[in-house]
Amino acid sequence: MDPIPTPSRESNLVVPLAFSGLKREEINAAIEILESGRLTMGEQVAKFEEEISDYLGVAHFKMVNSGSSANLLMIEALMRPSSGKPRLNPGDGVLVPAIAWPTTIWPLVQLGLEPIFVDVEERTIAIDLEQARSVLEADKESKIRGIFPIHPLGYSLDPIKLRNLASEFDLVEISDTCESLGSRRGGLHAGTSSVMASFSFYFSHHITTMEGGGIATNEAAINEDLVSQRAHGWSRGRSDLHTANELEPDTLFQFITTGYNLRPMEVQAAIGRVQLSRLEDFVRRRREISKFVGENLSEGFQTVDPIRDLDLPAEAHSWMLLPIELTGPLESRRKEVMAKLWHLGIESRPVLTGNFLRQRAVRALFPEWPSPSAFPAAERISQTTFLVACHQDLSDSQVNYMVETISGLGINV
């Protein structure tokens, strides 16, 4: 068994939350792109999009510069299509989970929609669809027009339950799947039953393009708008407009919808293509780590594991990070435990943002939003649970050290 790594001079971390994930093959692919001089979005991006579409089993995938941008672009495409009626309009409500990431919430606010918060399930950390139903039944004015769940930390929500709820209440269903690449339910990759699903390739996620992300969809018209809206609203690159390939300057510089500059770089796609070829091995290793940690923690600590607790198939989770819940006498000592872990070289962090309604920006800018206490499951998770690493590059020794150290805190904290 390999030795436990010695902490670097820059940090005392023995078990960081994430690694760069880049090996010699990825570095060589990046160097080849840099030496080619073809740096902006081009052939490598197109090939990566085709390969990840095949992997996800969707008709279309559009790469962008981050998963956060992917969320913004999905909302833009729904509100400002180049043809036809918008599916969401300013003032519409969209259901979101109380434990969230800012860039799931802020695009709704920035584009004039209203996030409607729903509590989460304690054993999955995902939006509670029964609570969502109750919120929808109380919506007498039919203000709520969309649902935007996060598939958290590698867990895939049930696509049938999600689709049935959306259909029953005539909701636009989109998915933030930035944390759950590689997980499946009922033969479908997480999020791909939705109108659109966002993915992230940030360096701590399942595969990395350094920064980077993208959107999966099965709708051709949406895909065409994503082509335009990630690049200023340009007509270039669309397959539904013949003028996009003409050489006249006036048609080359034709803008047919709103847009941003959210384009990725060739070097990102080249790295992503190498990473994608190893994704199933990465996910397999993450599942091994999760299972080992869950089976070997001492009393007072347990993983939040829907696979174990809900008797789901292993493929329903791809484990971006590992949630550890404190129980018994340790339940109220999360901050103390996390501080001790950092001191012992094990990086830890809260579960996403914790209860998002407690964030300083929310309380300062949106005092009319609900009280954090209205979401008891989100509150409890925020107070009792933290995240540690579950990265494929963790060595056996690092995993053993993490388990032994965490377990030892039950006596020493």
Protein backbone atom coordinates (compact mmCIF):
# COMPACT_ATOMS: atom_id res chain seq x y z
CA MET A 1 0.00 0.00 0.00
CA ASP A 2 1.34 3.41 -0.92
CA PRO A 3 2.42 5.75 1.89
CA ILE A 4 0.33 8.66 3.10
CA PRO A 5 1.46 11.77 1.20
CA THR A 6 3.39 14.36 3.14
CA PRO A 7 1.62 17.73 3.35
CA SER A 8 3.14 20.36 1.06
CA ARG A 9 4.86 23.49 2.31
CA GLU A 10 1.95 25.55 0.97
CA SER A 11 -0.67 23.58 2.86
CA ASN A 12 -1.07 21.05 5.61
CA LEU A 13 -3.62 19.15 3.54
CA VAL A 14 -3.10 15.41 3.26
CA VAL A 15 -6.58 14.83 1.80
CA PRO A 16 -7.70 17.82 -0.28
CA LEU A 17 -11.26 18.04 -1.56
CA ALA A 18 -10.11 17.98 -5.18
CA PHE A 19 -7.19 17.37 -7.47
CA SER A 20 -6.39 18.80 -10.89
CA GLY A 21 -7.05 15.38 -12.38
CA LEU A 22 -4.72 16.09 -15.29
CA LYS A 23 -2.31 13.39 -16.44
CA ARG A 24 0.32 13.43 -19.17
CA GLU A 25 -2.21 12.62 -21.93
CA GLU A 26 -4.37 15.65 -21.07
CA ILE A 27 -1.33 17.91 -20.82
CA ASN A 28 -0.06 16.74 -24.19
CA ALA A 29 -3.49 17.34 -25.74
CA ALA A 30 -3.46 20.88 -24.34
CA ILE A 31 0.06 21.55 -25.63
CA GLU A 32 -0.92 20.33 -29.09
CA ILE A 33 -3.78 22.83 -29.20
CA LEU A 34 -1.62 25.69 -27.96
CA GLU A 35 1.01 24.93 -30.60
CA SER A 36 -1.60 24.69 -33.34
CA GLY A 37 -2.65 28.31 -32.90
CA ARG A 38 -6.35 27.36 -33.14
CA LEU A 39 -7.43 28.45 -29.70
CA THR A 40 -11.02 29.65 -29.84
CA MET A 41 -14.09 27.45 -30.15
CA GLY A 42 -13.69 25.12 -33.11
CA GLU A 43 -13.09 21.50 -34.10
CA GLN A 44 -12.19 20.16 -30.65
CA VAL A 45 -15.29 21.70 -29.11
CA ALA A 46 -17.48 20.18 -31.83
CA LYS A 47 -15.93 16.74 -31.31
CA PHE A 48 -16.31 16.95 -27.53
CA GLU A 49 -19.95 17.94 -27.95
CA GLU A 50 -20.58 14.96 -30.21
CA GLU A 51 -18.82 12.52 -27.87
CA ILE A 52 -20.57 13.68 -24.72
CA SER A 53 -23.94 13.67 -26.53
CA ASP A 54 -23.32 10.02 -27.35
CA TYR A 55 -22.30 9.28 -23.77
CA LEU A 56 -25.39 10.95 -22.31
CA GLY A 57 -27.73 9.51 -24.93
CA VAL A 58 -29.10 12.92 -25.95
CA ALA A 59 -29.60 14.50 -29.36
CA HIS A 60 -27.60 17.66 -28.64
CA PHE A 61 -24.93 19.04 -26.32
CA LYS A 62 -23.54 22.54 -26.37
CA MET A 63 -20.33 23.31 -24.50
CA VAL A 64 -19.88 26.64 -22.69
CA ASN A 65 -17.25 28.22 -20.47
CA SER A 66 -18.69 26.97 -17.15
CA GLY A 67 -21.55 25.08 -15.55
CA SER A 68 -22.72 28.36 -14.02
CA SER A 69 -22.94 29.89 -17.49
CA ALA A 70 -24.86 26.83 -18.62
CA ASN A 71 -27.54 27.58 -16.02
CA LEU A 72 -27.77 31.20 -17.16
CA LEU A 73 -27.98 30.17 -20.81
CA MET A 74 -30.77 27.65 -20.16
CA ILE A 75 -32.94 30.36 -18.61
CA GLU A 76 -32.14 32.77 -21.45
CA ALA A 77 -33.14 30.19 -24.05
CA LEU A 78 -36.49 29.58 -22.32
CA MET A 79 -37.30 33.28 -21.96
CA ARG A 80 -36.02 34.66 -25.28
CA PRO A 81 -36.30 32.08 -28.06
CA SER A 82 -35.50 33.27 -31.59
CA SER A 83 -38.94 32.08 -32.71
CA GLY A 84 -42.13 31.00 -31.00
CA LYS A 85 -43.45 31.95 -27.59
CA PRO A 86 -41.27 32.06 -24.46
CA ARG A 87 -41.76 29.17 -22.06
CA LEU A 88 -41.00 31.37 -19.07
CA ASN A 89 -41.85 35.04 -18.65
CA PRO A 90 -40.76 37.75 -16.18
CA GLY A 91 -42.57 37.29 -12.88
CA ASP A 92 -43.02 33.53 -13.25
CA GLY A 93 -42.10 31.39 -10.27
CA VAL A 94 -39.63 28.51 -10.52
CA LEU A 95 -39.26 25.82 -7.85
CA VAL A 96 -35.71 25.41 -6.51
CA PRO A 97 -34.21 23.49 -3.55
CA ALA A 98 -33.40 25.26 -0.28
CA ILE A 99 -29.90 23.75 -0.34
CA ALA A 100 -28.53 25.13 -3.57
CA TRP A 101 -25.62 26.79 -5.32
CA PRO A 102 -25.82 30.53 -6.09
CA THR A 103 -25.64 30.07 -9.85
CA THR A 104 -28.77 27.95 -9.78
CA ILE A 105 -30.65 30.79 -8.08
CA TRP A 106 -29.13 33.99 -9.45
CA PRO A 107 -29.96 33.45 -13.15
CA LEU A 108 -33.62 33.32 -12.18
CA VAL A 109 -33.31 36.61 -10.29
CA GLN A 110 -31.14 38.25 -12.93
CA LEU A 111 -33.64 37.47 -15.70
CA GLY A 112 -36.73 38.52 -13.79
CA LEU A 113 -38.08 35.21 -12.50
CA GLU A 114 -38.91 34.38 -8.89
CA PRO A 115 -37.23 31.44 -7.13
CA ILE A 116 -39.74 29.51 -5.03
CA PHE A 117 -37.82 27.55 -2.41
CA VAL A 118 -38.70 23.98 -1.45
CA ASP A 119 -37.18 21.94 1.38
CA VAL A 120 -34.93 18.98 0.64
CA GLU A 121 -34.94 15.31 1.61
CA GLU A 122 -32.58 14.51 4.47
CA ARG A 123 -31.43 11.18 2.97
CA THR A 124 -30.72 12.53 -0.54
CA ILE A 125 -30.12 16.31 -0.06
CA ALA A 126 -32.26 16.71 -3.21
CA ILE A 127 -35.44 18.74 -3.60
CA ASP A 128 -38.37 17.05 -1.85
CA LEU A 129 -40.90 16.41 -4.62
CA GLU A 130 -43.72 15.81 -2.15
CA GLN A 131 -43.03 19.20 -0.58
CA ALA A 132 -42.92 20.63 -4.10
CA ARG A 133 -46.37 19.16 -4.76
CA SER A 134 -47.72 20.85 -1.64
CA VAL A 135 -46.30 24.20 -2.76
CA LEU A 136 -47.84 23.75 -6.21
CA GLU A 137 -51.25 22.82 -4.79
CA ALA A 138 -51.19 26.01 -2.72
CA ASP A 139 -50.36 28.10 -5.80
CA LYS A 140 -53.93 29.23 -6.55
CA GLU A 141 -52.87 31.83 -9.11
CA SER A 142 -50.73 29.35 -11.11
CA LYS A 143 -47.74 31.65 -10.68
CA ILE A 144 -45.28 28.76 -10.65
CA ARG A 145 -44.33 27.84 -14.20
CA GLY A 146 -41.06 25.92 -13.82
CA ILE A 147 -39.06 23.50 -11.71
CA PHE A 148 -35.26 23.64 -11.53
CA PRO A 149 -33.94 20.86 -9.29
CA ILE A 150 -30.31 20.24 -8.47
CA HIS A 151 -29.16 16.64 -8.73
CA PRO A 152 -26.81 17.04 -5.75
CA LEU A 153 -23.31 15.67 -5.21
CA GLY A 154 -23.72 12.84 -7.73
CA TYR A 155 -27.28 11.76 -6.86
CA SER A 156 -29.75 11.37 -9.74
CA LEU A 157 -33.35 12.29 -9.00
CA ASP A 158 -36.01 9.86 -10.19
CA PRO A 159 -36.82 11.05 -13.75
CA ILE A 160 -40.30 9.51 -13.75
CA LYS A 161 -41.37 11.24 -10.53
CA LEU A 162 -39.89 14.50 -11.74
CA ARG A 163 -41.50 14.27 -15.16
CA ASN A 164 -44.89 13.28 -13.72
CA LEU A 165 -44.89 16.25 -11.35
CA ALA A 166 -43.91 18.64 -14.14
CA SER A 167 -46.57 17.23 -16.46
CA GLU A 168 -49.33 17.32 -13.84
CA PHE A 169 -48.77 21.01 -13.09
CA ASP A 170 -47.67 22.04 -16.61
CA LEU A 171 -44.18 23.07 -15.51
CA VAL A 172 -41.09 23.64 -17.60
CA GLU A 173 -38.56 21.13 -16.25
CA ILE A 174 -34.86 21.92 -16.39
CA SER A 175 -32.10 20.28 -14.34
CA ASP A 176 -28.91 21.48 -12.71
CA THR A 177 -26.82 18.35 -13.15
CA CYS A 178 -23.48 20.08 -12.66
CA GLU A 179 -22.56 17.76 -9.77
CA SER A 180 -23.89 14.45 -11.11
CA LEU A 181 -22.28 13.48 -14.39
CA GLY A 182 -22.11 9.68 -14.61
CA SER A 183 -25.22 8.86 -12.53
CA ARG A 184 -28.33 7.21 -13.98
CA ARG A 185 -31.89 6.31 -13.00
CA GLY A 186 -34.10 4.01 -15.05
CA GLY A 187 -31.53 3.87 -17.84
CA LEU A 188 -31.42 7.66 -18.21
CA HIS A 189 -28.46 9.85 -17.31
CA ALA A 190 -29.24 12.35 -14.58
CA GLY A 191 -31.13 15.36 -15.89
CA THR A 192 -31.59 14.12 -19.45
CA SER A 193 -35.35 13.67 -19.11
CA SER A 194 -35.62 17.45 -18.68
CA VAL A 195 -36.04 20.02 -21.44
CA MET A 196 -32.42 20.97 -20.72
CA ALA A 197 -29.77 19.88 -18.24
CA SER A 198 -26.59 21.73 -17.27
CA PHE A 199 -23.24 20.06 -16.57
CA SER A 200 -19.99 21.34 -15.08
CA PHE A 201 -16.40 20.32 -15.79
CA TYR A 202 -14.79 22.38 -13.04
CA PHE A 203 -11.61 20.82 -11.72
CA SER A 204 -13.23 19.24 -8.64
CA HIS A 205 -15.98 17.54 -10.65
CA HIS A 206 -16.13 14.12 -12.30
CA ILE A 207 -14.18 15.19 -15.35
CA THR A 208 -12.35 18.45 -15.75
CA THR A 209 -11.74 20.93 -18.53
CA MET A 210 -10.27 23.28 -15.87
CA GLU A 211 -13.32 25.52 -16.11
CA GLY A 212 -16.09 24.52 -18.47
CA GLY A 213 -19.61 23.22 -18.73
CA GLY A 214 -22.43 22.53 -21.13
CA ILE A 215 -26.10 21.91 -21.82
CA ALA A 216 -27.80 18.69 -22.94
CA THR A 217 -31.14 18.80 -24.75
CA ASN A 218 -33.22 16.68 -27.09
CA GLU A 219 -34.98 19.67 -28.65
CA ALA A 220 -33.53 20.88 -31.94
CA ALA A 221 -34.96 24.40 -31.74
CA ILE A 222 -33.48 24.94 -28.29
CA ASN A 223 -30.13 23.62 -29.48
CA GLU A 224 -30.08 26.15 -32.33
CA ASP A 225 -30.81 28.98 -29.91
CA LEU A 226 -28.03 27.80 -27.59
CA VAL A 227 -25.64 28.06 -30.56
CA SER A 228 -26.61 31.70 -30.98
CA GLN A 229 -27.02 32.74 -27.37
CA ARG A 230 -23.64 31.44 -26.19
CA ALA A 231 -22.06 33.67 -28.89
CA HIS A 232 -23.64 37.14 -28.75
CA GLY A 233 -26.92 36.07 -30.40
CA TRP A 234 -25.09 35.42 -33.68
CA SER A 235 -26.63 33.39 -36.49
CA ARG A 236 -23.27 31.73 -37.19
CA GLY A 237 -23.07 28.01 -36.59
CA ARG A 238 -26.80 27.37 -36.72
CA SER A 239 -27.98 24.59 -39.01
CA ASP A 240 -31.48 26.04 -39.45
CA LEU A 241 -30.38 29.25 -41.20
CA HIS A 242 -28.81 29.10 -44.66
CA THR A 243 -27.48 32.63 -44.27
CA ALA A 244 -25.12 31.44 -41.54
CA ASN A 245 -22.74 30.02 -44.17
CA GLU A 246 -22.89 32.82 -46.72
CA LEU A 247 -19.88 35.07 -47.17
CA GLU A 248 -21.55 38.48 -47.41
CA PRO A 249 -20.51 40.61 -44.43
CA ASP A 250 -24.08 41.67 -43.70
CA THR A 251 -25.22 38.07 -43.30
CA LEU A 252 -22.11 36.98 -41.42
CA PHE A 253 -22.86 39.64 -38.84
CA GLN A 254 -26.51 38.84 -38.37
CA PHE A 255 -27.84 38.75 -34.81
CA ILE A 256 -31.17 37.02 -34.39
CA THR A 257 -31.60 36.74 -30.63
CA THR A 258 -30.11 37.88 -27.33
CA GLY A 259 -26.82 36.46 -26.17
CA TYR A 260 -23.61 36.51 -24.18
CA ASN A 261 -20.02 35.46 -24.81
CA LEU A 262 -20.02 32.10 -23.02
CA ARG A 263 -17.94 30.20 -25.55
CA PRO A 264 -15.40 27.59 -24.44
CA MET A 265 -11.84 27.27 -25.70
CA GLU A 266 -10.34 24.52 -27.82
CA VAL A 267 -7.87 23.62 -25.09
CA GLN A 268 -10.74 22.93 -22.68
CA ALA A 269 -12.43 20.59 -25.12
CA ALA A 270 -9.19 18.75 -25.92
CA ILE A 271 -8.64 18.07 -22.21
CA GLY A 272 -12.29 17.12 -21.80
CA ARG A 273 -12.15 14.55 -24.60
CA VAL A 274 -9.33 12.70 -22.85
CA GLN A 275 -11.09 12.88 -19.51
CA LEU A 276 -14.38 11.68 -20.97
CA SER A 277 -12.72 8.51 -22.24
CA ARG A 278 -11.93 7.61 -18.61
CA LEU A 279 -15.15 8.82 -16.98
CA GLU A 280 -16.60 5.38 -16.22
CA ASP A 281 -13.37 4.38 -14.45
CA PHE A 282 -13.48 7.64 -12.48
CA VAL A 283 -17.05 7.00 -11.35
CA ARG A 284 -16.27 3.39 -10.46
CA ARG A 285 -13.44 4.55 -8.19
CA ARG A 286 -15.65 7.18 -6.54
CA ARG A 287 -18.25 4.51 -5.77
CA GLU A 288 -15.58 2.28 -4.24
CA ILE A 289 -14.42 5.12 -1.99
CA SER A 290 -17.96 5.97 -0.91
CA LYS A 291 -18.76 2.35 -0.06
CA PHE A 292 -15.53 1.87 1.90
CA VAL A 293 -15.95 5.07 3.91
CA GLY A 294 -19.61 4.34 4.63
CA GLU A 295 -18.80 0.86 5.91
CA ASN A 296 -15.86 1.84 8.12
CA LEU A 297 -16.76 5.04 9.97
CA SER A 298 -17.10 4.74 13.72
CA GLU A 299 -20.16 5.54 15.81
CA GLY A 300 -21.12 9.20 15.64
CA PHE A 301 -20.42 9.49 11.92
CA GLN A 302 -22.33 8.19 8.91
CA THR A 303 -22.38 8.92 5.22
CA VAL A 304 -25.53 10.36 3.69
CA ASP A 305 -25.98 7.51 1.24
CA PRO A 306 -29.23 7.18 -0.77
CA ILE A 307 -27.93 3.96 -2.32
CA ARG A 308 -27.76 2.31 1.10
CA ASP A 309 -30.63 4.08 2.82
CA LEU A 310 -33.17 3.88 -0.02
CA ASP A 311 -31.97 0.59 -1.52
CA LEU A 312 -31.22 2.11 -4.92
CA PRO A 313 -28.93 0.69 -7.62
CA ALA A 314 -25.33 1.90 -7.41
CA GLU A 315 -25.63 3.65 -10.77
CA ALA A 316 -27.98 6.25 -9.21
CA HIS A 317 -25.01 8.02 -7.60
CA SER A 318 -21.63 9.12 -8.95
CA TRP A 319 -20.31 10.82 -5.75
CA MET A 320 -18.82 14.20 -6.54
CA LEU A 321 -18.10 14.67 -2.83
CA LEU A 322 -18.94 12.62 0.25
CA PRO A 323 -21.48 13.94 2.81
CA ILE A 324 -20.69 12.94 6.40
CA GLU A 325 -23.46 13.32 8.96
CA LEU A 326 -22.76 13.70 12.68
CA THR A 327 -25.04 11.75 15.00
CA GLY A 328 -25.61 11.35 18.73
CA PRO A 329 -23.44 13.54 21.02
CA LEU A 330 -21.49 14.86 17.99
CA GLU A 331 -24.59 16.15 16.21
CA SER A 332 -24.19 19.75 17.35
CA ARG A 333 -20.41 19.91 16.91
CA ARG A 334 -20.02 20.23 13.13
CA LYS A 335 -17.85 23.36 13.15
CA GLU A 336 -15.59 21.90 15.81
CA VAL A 337 -15.21 18.62 13.90
CA MET A 338 -14.49 20.41 10.62
CA ALA A 339 -11.87 22.64 12.23
CA LYS A 340 -10.17 19.61 13.74
CA LEU A 341 -10.15 17.82 10.38
CA TRP A 342 -8.50 20.80 8.70
CA HIS A 343 -5.89 20.83 11.46
CA LEU A 344 -5.22 17.13 10.78
CA GLY A 345 -4.84 17.66 7.04
CA ILE A 346 -8.33 16.69 5.83
CA GLU A 347 -10.12 19.40 3.88
CA SER A 348 -13.85 19.71 4.54
CA ARG A 349 -16.62 22.11 3.62
CA PRO A 350 -20.37 22.72 4.11
CA VAL A 351 -22.96 20.97 1.95
CA LEU A 352 -23.14 23.27 -1.08
CA THR A 353 -24.05 26.62 0.53
CA GLY A 354 -26.00 25.00 3.35
CA ASN A 355 -29.48 26.44 3.69
CA PHE A 356 -29.28 29.07 0.96
CA LEU A 357 -31.80 31.28 2.74
CA ARG A 358 -29.17 31.90 5.45
CA GLN A 359 -26.65 33.38 3.04
CA ARG A 360 -25.69 37.01 3.66
CA ALA A 361 -26.60 38.09 0.13
CA VAL A 362 -30.10 36.67 0.52
CA ARG A 363 -30.82 38.33 3.85
CA ALA A 364 -29.40 41.67 2.65
CA LEU A 365 -30.94 41.81 -0.82
CA PHE A 366 -34.14 39.80 -0.48
CA PRO A 367 -35.54 40.22 3.04
CA GLU A 368 -38.98 39.28 1.71
CA TRP A 369 -37.84 35.74 0.90
CA PRO A 370 -38.87 33.03 3.39
CA SER A 371 -37.15 32.55 6.74
CA PRO A 372 -34.47 29.84 6.77
CA SER A 373 -36.39 28.14 9.56
CA ALA A 374 -39.21 27.38 7.11
CA PHE A 375 -36.99 24.59 5.71
CA PRO A 376 -36.25 22.23 8.62
CA ALA A 377 -34.51 19.50 6.62
CA ALA A 378 -32.18 22.03 5.01
CA GLU A 379 -31.52 23.48 8.45
CA ARG A 380 -30.67 20.13 9.96
CA ILE A 381 -28.35 19.14 7.10
CA SER A 382 -26.60 22.50 7.35
CA GLN A 383 -26.03 22.01 11.08
CA THR A 384 -25.02 18.34 11.15
CA THR A 385 -23.40 17.46 7.81
CA PHE A 386 -20.19 18.35 6.00
CA LEU A 387 -18.37 17.21 2.86
CA VAL A 388 -15.03 15.45 2.37
CA ALA A 389 -13.20 14.26 -0.71
CA CYS A 390 -14.34 11.40 -2.93
CA HIS A 391 -12.04 12.07 -5.89
CA GLN A 392 -10.81 9.26 -8.13
CA ASP A 393 -7.20 10.36 -7.58
CA LEU A 394 -7.33 9.63 -3.86
CA SER A 395 -4.93 6.81 -2.96
CA ASP A 396 -5.95 3.92 -0.72
CA SER A 397 -3.71 5.36 1.97
CA GLN A 398 -5.39 8.74 1.79
CA VAL A 399 -8.83 7.10 2.05
CA ASN A 400 -7.69 4.98 5.03
CA TYR A 401 -6.18 8.02 6.73
CA MET A 402 -9.41 9.96 6.22
CA VAL A 403 -11.57 7.17 7.68
CA GLU A 404 -9.27 6.55 10.65
CA THR A 405 -8.94 10.26 11.39
CA ILE A 406 -12.65 11.00 11.19
CA SER A 407 -13.49 7.96 13.29
CA GLY A 408 -10.91 8.95 15.89
CA LEU A 409 -12.61 12.29 16.40
CA GLY A 410 -15.54 10.52 18.05
CA ILE A 411 -13.26 10.05 21.03
CA ASN A 412 -11.10 13.15 20.83
CA VAL A 413 -13.38 16.05 19.90
